[in-house]
Amino acid sequence: MSAGMPLASVKSQIFESVLGFLPDWVQITVLALIVLALVASWVVRIKRKIAHRRAVRDGRPTHAAARYGQGSGA
């Protein structure tokens, strides 16, 4: 590995080499689906955060597993 090559560049080269074998319309579709999934996850996260804040503000009980910002696991 050369000293000037960051790791993100290696990951992007792998991604580009995988998509490089596909036609252009498939590449664009795959990239659009990835962006759509990312935006959808942000929207869901924001909606849950807003719902949690409203529940706390209105004095409604929130389920222990549904607390905002609480990760899963121990």
PDB file of N, CA and C in Angstrom:
ATOM      1  N   MET A   1       0.846  -1.162   0.000  1.00  0.00           N
ATOM      2  CA  MET A   1       0.000   0.000   0.000  1.00  0.00           C
ATOM      3  C   MET A   1       0.893   1.227   0.000  1.00  0.00           C
ATOM      4  N   SER A   2       0.605   2.169  -0.863  1.00  0.00           N
ATOM      5  CA  SER A   2       1.427   3.364  -0.917  1.00  0.00           C
ATOM      6  C   SER A   2       1.090   4.288   0.242  1.00  0.00           C
ATOM      7  N   ALA A   3       2.033   5.127   0.602  1.00  0.00           N
ATOM      8  CA  ALA A   3       1.863   5.996   1.766  1.00  0.00           C
ATOM      9  C   ALA A   3       0.799   7.057   1.536  1.00  0.00           C
ATOM     10  N   GLY A   4       0.560   7.459   0.286  1.00  0.00           N
ATOM     11  CA  GLY A   4      -0.405   8.513   0.001  1.00  0.00           C
ATOM     12  C   GLY A   4      -1.805   8.014  -0.284  1.00  0.00           C
ATOM     13  N   MET A   5      -2.059   6.714  -0.209  1.00  0.00           N
ATOM     14  CA  MET A   5      -3.353   6.148  -0.575  1.00  0.00           C
ATOM     15  C   MET A   5      -4.201   5.933   0.683  1.00  0.00           C
ATOM     16  N   PRO A   6      -5.256   6.733   0.889  1.00  0.00           N
ATOM     17  CA  PRO A   6      -6.107   6.523   2.058  1.00  0.00           C
ATOM     18  C   PRO A   6      -6.983   5.288   1.883  1.00  0.00           C
ATOM     19  N   LEU A   7      -7.476   4.750   3.004  1.00  0.00           N
ATOM     20  CA  LEU A   7      -8.291   3.536   2.961  1.00  0.00           C
ATOM     21  C   LEU A   7      -9.611   3.755   2.245  1.00  0.00           C
ATOM     22  N   ALA A   8     -10.186   4.949   2.346  1.00  0.00           N
ATOM     23  CA  ALA A   8     -11.454   5.224   1.670  1.00  0.00           C
ATOM     24  C   ALA A   8     -11.293   5.075   0.166  1.00  0.00           C
ATOM     25  N   SER A   9     -10.135   5.379  -0.347  1.00  0.00           N
ATOM     26  CA  SER A   9      -9.892   5.247  -1.771  1.00  0.00           C
ATOM     27  C   SER A   9      -9.917   3.776  -2.189  1.00  0.00           C
ATOM     28  N   VAL A  10      -9.390   2.902  -1.341  1.00  0.00           N
ATOM     29  CA  VAL A  10      -9.399   1.477  -1.649  1.00  0.00           C
ATOM     30  C   VAL A  10     -10.833   0.962  -1.688  1.00  0.00           C
ATOM     31  N   LYS A  11     -11.645   1.394  -0.713  1.00  0.00           N
ATOM     32  CA  LYS A  11     -13.049   0.977  -0.691  1.00  0.00           C
ATOM     33  C   LYS A  11     -13.791   1.480  -1.917  1.00  0.00           C
ATOM     34  N   SER A  12     -13.540   2.708  -2.311  1.00  0.00           N
ATOM     35  CA  SER A  12     -14.230   3.243  -3.481  1.00  0.00           C
ATOM     36  C   SER A  12     -13.764   2.539  -4.755  1.00  0.00           C
ATOM     37  N   GLN A  13     -12.499   2.142  -4.809  1.00  0.00           N
ATOM     38  CA  GLN A  13     -12.020   1.407  -5.985  1.00  0.00           C
ATOM     39  C   GLN A  13     -12.679   0.035  -6.078  1.00  0.00           C
ATOM     40  N   ILE A  14     -12.860  -0.625  -4.939  1.00  0.00           N
ATOM     41  CA  ILE A  14     -13.544  -1.921  -4.937  1.00  0.00           C
ATOM     42  C   ILE A  14     -14.986  -1.745  -5.400  1.00  0.00           C
ATOM     43  N   PHE A  15     -15.669  -0.721  -4.870  1.00  0.00           N
ATOM     44  CA  PHE A  15     -17.052  -0.450  -5.253  1.00  0.00           C
ATOM     45  C   PHE A  15     -17.158  -0.153  -6.741  1.00  0.00           C
ATOM     46  N   GLU A  16     -16.252   0.657  -7.249  1.00  0.00           N
ATOM     47  CA  GLU A  16     -16.269   1.004  -8.666  1.00  0.00           C
ATOM     48  C   GLU A  16     -15.957  -0.206  -9.537  1.00  0.00           C
ATOM     49  N   SER A  17     -15.074  -1.087  -9.081  1.00  0.00           N
ATOM     50  CA  SER A  17     -14.749  -2.260  -9.887  1.00  0.00           C
ATOM     51  C   SER A  17     -15.916  -3.233  -9.944  1.00  0.00           C
ATOM     52  N   VAL A  18     -16.679  -3.330  -8.858  1.00  0.00           N
ATOM     53  CA  VAL A  18     -17.861  -4.202  -8.861  1.00  0.00           C
ATOM     54  C   VAL A  18     -18.916  -3.640  -9.799  1.00  0.00           C
ATOM     55  N   LEU A  19     -19.161  -2.331  -9.709  1.00  0.00           N
ATOM     56  CA  LEU A  19     -20.165  -1.717 -10.574  1.00  0.00           C
ATOM     57  C   LEU A  19     -19.670  -1.539 -12.008  1.00  0.00           C
ATOM     58  N   GLY A  20     -18.364  -1.580 -12.217  1.00  0.00           N
ATOM     59  CA  GLY A  20     -17.811  -1.348 -13.546  1.00  0.00           C
ATOM     60  C   GLY A  20     -18.204  -2.390 -14.569  1.00  0.00           C
ATOM     61  N   PHE A  21     -18.551  -3.598 -14.118  1.00  0.00           N
ATOM     62  CA  PHE A  21     -18.934  -4.656 -15.039  1.00  0.00           C
ATOM     63  C   PHE A  21     -20.384  -4.533 -15.492  1.00  0.00           C
ATOM     64  N   LEU A  22     -21.144  -3.682 -14.838  1.00  0.00           N
ATOM     65  CA  LEU A  22     -22.566  -3.546 -15.138  1.00  0.00           C
ATOM     66  C   LEU A  22     -22.796  -2.432 -16.151  1.00  0.00           C
ATOM     67  N   PRO A  23     -23.901  -2.503 -16.883  1.00  0.00           N
ATOM     68  CA  PRO A  23     -24.228  -1.394 -17.803  1.00  0.00           C
ATOM     69  C   PRO A  23     -24.504  -0.101 -17.031  1.00  0.00           C
ATOM     70  N   ASP A  24     -24.440   1.020 -17.733  1.00  0.00           N
ATOM     71  CA  ASP A  24     -24.618   2.325 -17.090  1.00  0.00           C
ATOM     72  C   ASP A  24     -25.971   2.457 -16.412  1.00  0.00           C
ATOM     73  N   TRP A  25     -27.041   1.977 -17.049  1.00  0.00           N
ATOM     74  CA  TRP A  25     -28.372   2.151 -16.460  1.00  0.00           C
ATOM     75  C   TRP A  25     -28.507   1.347 -15.165  1.00  0.00           C
ATOM     76  N   VAL A  26     -27.799   0.213 -15.063  1.00  0.00           N
ATOM     77  CA  VAL A  26     -27.836  -0.572 -13.822  1.00  0.00           C
ATOM     78  C   VAL A  26     -27.029   0.138 -12.743  1.00  0.00           C
ATOM     79  N   GLN A  27     -25.896   0.720 -13.112  1.00  0.00           N
ATOM     80  CA  GLN A  27     -25.084   1.462 -12.147  1.00  0.00           C
ATOM     81  C   GLN A  27     -25.878   2.620 -11.552  1.00  0.00           C
ATOM     82  N   ILE A  28     -26.547   3.371 -12.414  1.00  0.00           N
ATOM     83  CA  ILE A  28     -27.329   4.514 -11.947  1.00  0.00           C
ATOM     84  C   ILE A  28     -28.471   4.047 -11.049  1.00  0.00           C
ATOM     85  N   THR A  29     -29.117   2.943 -11.424  1.00  0.00           N
ATOM     86  CA  THR A  29     -30.216   2.415 -10.617  1.00  0.00           C
ATOM     87  C   THR A  29     -29.737   1.960  -9.252  1.00  0.00           C
ATOM     88  N   VAL A  30     -28.605   1.270  -9.208  1.00  0.00           N
ATOM     89  CA  VAL A  30     -28.062   0.791  -7.931  1.00  0.00           C
ATOM     90  C   VAL A  30     -27.687   1.969  -7.042  1.00  0.00           C
ATOM     91  N   LEU A  31     -27.022   2.957  -7.592  1.00  0.00           N
ATOM     92  CA  LEU A  31     -26.641   4.133  -6.803  1.00  0.00           C
ATOM     93  C   LEU A  31     -27.875   4.890  -6.315  1.00  0.00           C
ATOM     94  N   ALA A  32     -28.903   4.997  -7.153  1.00  0.00           N
ATOM     95  CA  ALA A  32     -30.132   5.676  -6.746  1.00  0.00           C
ATOM     96  C   ALA A  32     -30.822   4.919  -5.619  1.00  0.00           C
ATOM     97  N   LEU A  33     -30.825   3.599  -5.681  1.00  0.00           N
ATOM     98  CA  LEU A  33     -31.437   2.806  -4.613  1.00  0.00           C
ATOM     99  C   LEU A  33     -30.674   2.939  -3.302  1.00  0.00           C
ATOM    100  N   ILE A  34     -29.354   3.012  -3.384  1.00  0.00           N
ATOM    101  CA  ILE A  34     -28.551   3.197  -2.172  1.00  0.00           C
ATOM    102  C   ILE A  34     -28.854   4.552  -1.543  1.00  0.00           C
ATOM    103  N   VAL A  35     -28.914   5.599  -2.355  1.00  0.00           N
ATOM    104  CA  VAL A  35     -29.231   6.935  -1.843  1.00  0.00           C
ATOM    105  C   VAL A  35     -30.644   6.968  -1.272  1.00  0.00           C
ATOM    106  N   LEU A  36     -31.588   6.318  -1.947  1.00  0.00           N
ATOM    107  CA  LEU A  36     -32.969   6.268  -1.460  1.00  0.00           C
ATOM    108  C   LEU A  36     -33.055   5.556  -0.113  1.00  0.00           C
ATOM    109  N   ALA A  37     -32.330   4.464   0.048  1.00  0.00           N
ATOM    110  CA  ALA A  37     -32.330   3.744   1.318  1.00  0.00           C
ATOM    111  C   ALA A  37     -31.730   4.599   2.426  1.00  0.00           C
ATOM    112  N   LEU A  38     -30.687   5.330   2.124  1.00  0.00           N
ATOM    113  CA  LEU A  38     -30.059   6.206   3.114  1.00  0.00           C
ATOM    114  C   LEU A  38     -31.011   7.314   3.550  1.00  0.00           C
ATOM    115  N   VAL A  39     -31.661   7.956   2.588  1.00  0.00           N
ATOM    116  CA  VAL A  39     -32.604   9.028   2.910  1.00  0.00           C
ATOM    117  C   VAL A  39     -33.798   8.476   3.681  1.00  0.00           C
ATOM    118  N   ALA A  40     -34.285   7.295   3.304  1.00  0.00           N
ATOM    119  CA  ALA A  40     -35.417   6.694   4.018  1.00  0.00           C
ATOM    120  C   ALA A  40     -35.053   6.374   5.459  1.00  0.00           C
ATOM    121  N   SER A  41     -33.840   5.902   5.690  1.00  0.00           N
ATOM    122  CA  SER A  41     -33.436   5.613   7.067  1.00  0.00           C
ATOM    123  C   SER A  41     -33.352   6.893   7.886  1.00  0.00           C
ATOM    124  N   TRP A  42     -32.886   7.981   7.281  1.00  0.00           N
ATOM    125  CA  TRP A  42     -32.851   9.264   7.987  1.00  0.00           C
ATOM    126  C   TRP A  42     -34.260   9.731   8.328  1.00  0.00           C
ATOM    127  N   VAL A  43     -35.197   9.592   7.381  1.00  0.00           N
ATOM    128  CA  VAL A  43     -36.576  10.030   7.608  1.00  0.00           C
ATOM    129  C   VAL A  43     -37.200   9.233   8.739  1.00  0.00           C
ATOM    130  N   VAL A  44     -37.010   7.918   8.743  1.00  0.00           N
ATOM    131  CA  VAL A  44     -37.572   7.085   9.806  1.00  0.00           C
ATOM    132  C   VAL A  44     -36.971   7.470  11.150  1.00  0.00           C
ATOM    133  N   ARG A  45     -35.685   7.699  11.196  1.00  0.00           N
ATOM    134  CA  ARG A  45     -35.022   8.070  12.443  1.00  0.00           C
ATOM    135  C   ARG A  45     -35.555   9.405  12.969  1.00  0.00           C
ATOM    136  N   ILE A  46     -35.732  10.378  12.079  1.00  0.00           N
ATOM    137  CA  ILE A  46     -36.244  11.685  12.492  1.00  0.00           C
ATOM    138  C   ILE A  46     -37.685  11.576  12.956  1.00  0.00           C
ATOM    139  N   LYS A  47     -38.513  10.776  12.258  1.00  0.00           N
ATOM    140  CA  LYS A  47     -39.902  10.611  12.677  1.00  0.00           C
ATOM    141  C   LYS A  47     -39.985   9.978  14.056  1.00  0.00           C
ATOM    142  N   ARG A  48     -39.149   8.993  14.336  1.00  0.00           N
ATOM    143  CA  ARG A  48     -39.150   8.367  15.659  1.00  0.00           C
ATOM    144  C   ARG A  48     -38.711   9.345  16.729  1.00  0.00           C
ATOM    145  N   LYS A  49     -37.723  10.167  16.411  1.00  0.00           N
ATOM    146  CA  LYS A  49     -37.238  11.151  17.370  1.00  0.00           C
ATOM    147  C   LYS A  49     -38.337  12.164  17.688  1.00  0.00           C
ATOM    148  N   ILE A  50     -39.044  12.629  16.669  1.00  0.00           N
ATOM    149  CA  ILE A  50     -40.124  13.590  16.875  1.00  0.00           C
ATOM    150  C   ILE A  50     -41.258  12.955  17.675  1.00  0.00           C
ATOM    151  N   ALA A  51     -41.617  11.712  17.349  1.00  0.00           N
ATOM    152  CA  ALA A  51     -42.679  11.028  18.083  1.00  0.00           C
ATOM    153  C   ALA A  51     -42.301  10.844  19.547  1.00  0.00           C
ATOM    154  N   HIS A  52     -41.057  10.539  19.811  1.00  0.00           N
ATOM    155  CA  HIS A  52     -40.613  10.366  21.199  1.00  0.00           C
ATOM    156  C   HIS A  52     -40.683  11.690  21.953  1.00  0.00           C
ATOM    157  N   ARG A  53     -40.230  12.767  21.320  1.00  0.00           N
ATOM    158  CA  ARG A  53     -40.271  14.075  21.980  1.00  0.00           C
ATOM    159  C   ARG A  53     -41.704  14.498  22.272  1.00  0.00           C
ATOM    160  N   ARG A  54     -42.625  14.234  21.337  1.00  0.00           N
ATOM    161  CA  ARG A  54     -44.031  14.576  21.567  1.00  0.00           C
ATOM    162  C   ARG A  54     -44.614  13.762  22.708  1.00  0.00           C
ATOM    163  N   ALA A  55     -44.270  12.497  22.764  1.00  0.00           N
ATOM    164  CA  ALA A  55     -44.781  11.643  23.837  1.00  0.00           C
ATOM    165  C   ALA A  55     -44.279  12.117  25.193  1.00  0.00           C
ATOM    166  N   VAL A  56     -43.014  12.478  25.264  1.00  0.00           N
ATOM    167  CA  VAL A  56     -42.450  12.961  26.530  1.00  0.00           C
ATOM    168  C   VAL A  56     -43.089  14.292  26.911  1.00  0.00           C
ATOM    169  N   ARG A  57     -43.276  15.170  25.946  1.00  0.00           N
ATOM    170  CA  ARG A  57     -43.851  16.491  26.213  1.00  0.00           C
ATOM    171  C   ARG A  57     -45.297  16.380  26.686  1.00  0.00           C
ATOM    172  N   ASP A  58     -46.061  15.450  26.093  1.00  0.00           N
ATOM    173  CA  ASP A  58     -47.470  15.285  26.453  1.00  0.00           C
ATOM    174  C   ASP A  58     -47.652  14.458  27.712  1.00  0.00           C
ATOM    175  N   GLY A  59     -46.576  13.905  28.235  1.00  0.00           N
ATOM    176  CA  GLY A  59     -46.679  13.126  29.460  1.00  0.00           C
ATOM    177  C   GLY A  59     -47.126  11.696  29.242  1.00  0.00           C
ATOM    178  N   ARG A  60     -47.137  11.266  28.012  1.00  0.00           N
ATOM    179  CA  ARG A  60     -47.500   9.881  27.734  1.00  0.00           C
ATOM    180  C   ARG A  60     -46.332   8.967  28.077  1.00  0.00           C
ATOM    181  N   PRO A  61     -46.640   7.803  28.611  1.00  0.00           N
ATOM    182  CA  PRO A  61     -45.535   6.882  28.916  1.00  0.00           C
ATOM    183  C   PRO A  61     -44.908   6.348  27.628  1.00  0.00           C
ATOM    184  N   THR A  62     -43.611   6.196  27.643  1.00  0.00           N
ATOM    185  CA  THR A  62     -42.908   5.614  26.504  1.00  0.00           C
ATOM    186  C   THR A  62     -42.426   4.228  26.901  1.00  0.00           C
ATOM    187  N   HIS A  63     -42.489   3.336  25.969  1.00  0.00           N
ATOM    188  CA  HIS A  63     -42.050   1.970  26.216  1.00  0.00           C
ATOM    189  C   HIS A  63     -40.547   1.963  26.435  1.00  0.00           C
ATOM    190  N   ALA A  64     -40.082   1.137  27.358  1.00  0.00           N
ATOM    191  CA  ALA A  64     -38.654   1.119  27.691  1.00  0.00           C
ATOM    192  C   ALA A  64     -37.801   0.771  26.478  1.00  0.00           C
ATOM    193  N   ALA A  65     -38.292  -0.103  25.628  1.00  0.00           N
ATOM    194  CA  ALA A  65     -37.511  -0.497  24.458  1.00  0.00           C
ATOM    195  C   ALA A  65     -37.574   0.555  23.361  1.00  0.00           C
ATOM    196  N   ALA A  66     -38.511   1.503  23.472  1.00  0.00           N
ATOM    197  CA  ALA A  66     -38.690   2.495  22.422  1.00  0.00           C
ATOM    198  C   ALA A  66     -38.085   3.846  22.790  1.00  0.00           C
ATOM    199  N   ARG A  67     -37.315   3.919  23.839  1.00  0.00           N
ATOM    200  CA  ARG A  67     -36.707   5.189  24.214  1.00  0.00           C
ATOM    201  C   ARG A  67     -35.747   5.644  23.130  1.00  0.00           C
ATOM    202  N   TYR A  68     -35.829   6.920  22.816  1.00  0.00           N
ATOM    203  CA  TYR A  68     -34.960   7.436  21.773  1.00  0.00           C
ATOM    204  C   TYR A  68     -33.527   7.454  22.241  1.00  0.00           C
ATOM    205  N   GLY A  69     -32.630   7.012  21.371  1.00  0.00           N
ATOM    206  CA  GLY A  69     -31.218   7.053  21.665  1.00  0.00           C
ATOM    207  C   GLY A  69     -30.706   5.872  22.469  1.00  0.00           C
ATOM    208  N   GLN A  70     -31.594   4.989  22.883  1.00  0.00           N
ATOM    209  CA  GLN A  70     -31.165   3.833  23.647  1.00  0.00           C
ATOM    210  C   GLN A  70     -30.839   2.700  22.688  1.00  0.00           C
ATOM    211  N   GLY A  71     -29.634   2.246  22.718  1.00  0.00           N
ATOM    212  CA  GLY A  71     -29.228   1.172  21.825  1.00  0.00           C
ATOM    213  C   GLY A  71     -29.746  -0.170  22.314  1.00  0.00           C
ATOM    214  N   SER A  72     -29.663  -1.143  21.459  1.00  0.00           N
ATOM    215  CA  SER A  72     -30.078  -2.480  21.845  1.00  0.00           C
ATOM    216  C   SER A  72     -28.935  -3.186  22.539  1.00  0.00           C
ATOM    217  N   GLY A  73     -29.248  -4.207  23.257  1.00  0.00           N
ATOM    218  CA  GLY A  73     -28.209  -4.977  23.934  1.00  0.00           C
ATOM    219  C   GLY A  73     -28.120  -4.644  25.396  1.00  0.00           C
ATOM    220  N   ALA A  74     -27.050  -5.113  26.015  1.00  0.00           N
ATOM    221  CA  ALA A  74     -26.904  -4.948  27.459  1.00  0.00           C
ATOM    222  C   ALA A  74     -26.544  -3.537  27.842  1.00  0.00           C
TER     223      ALA A  74
END
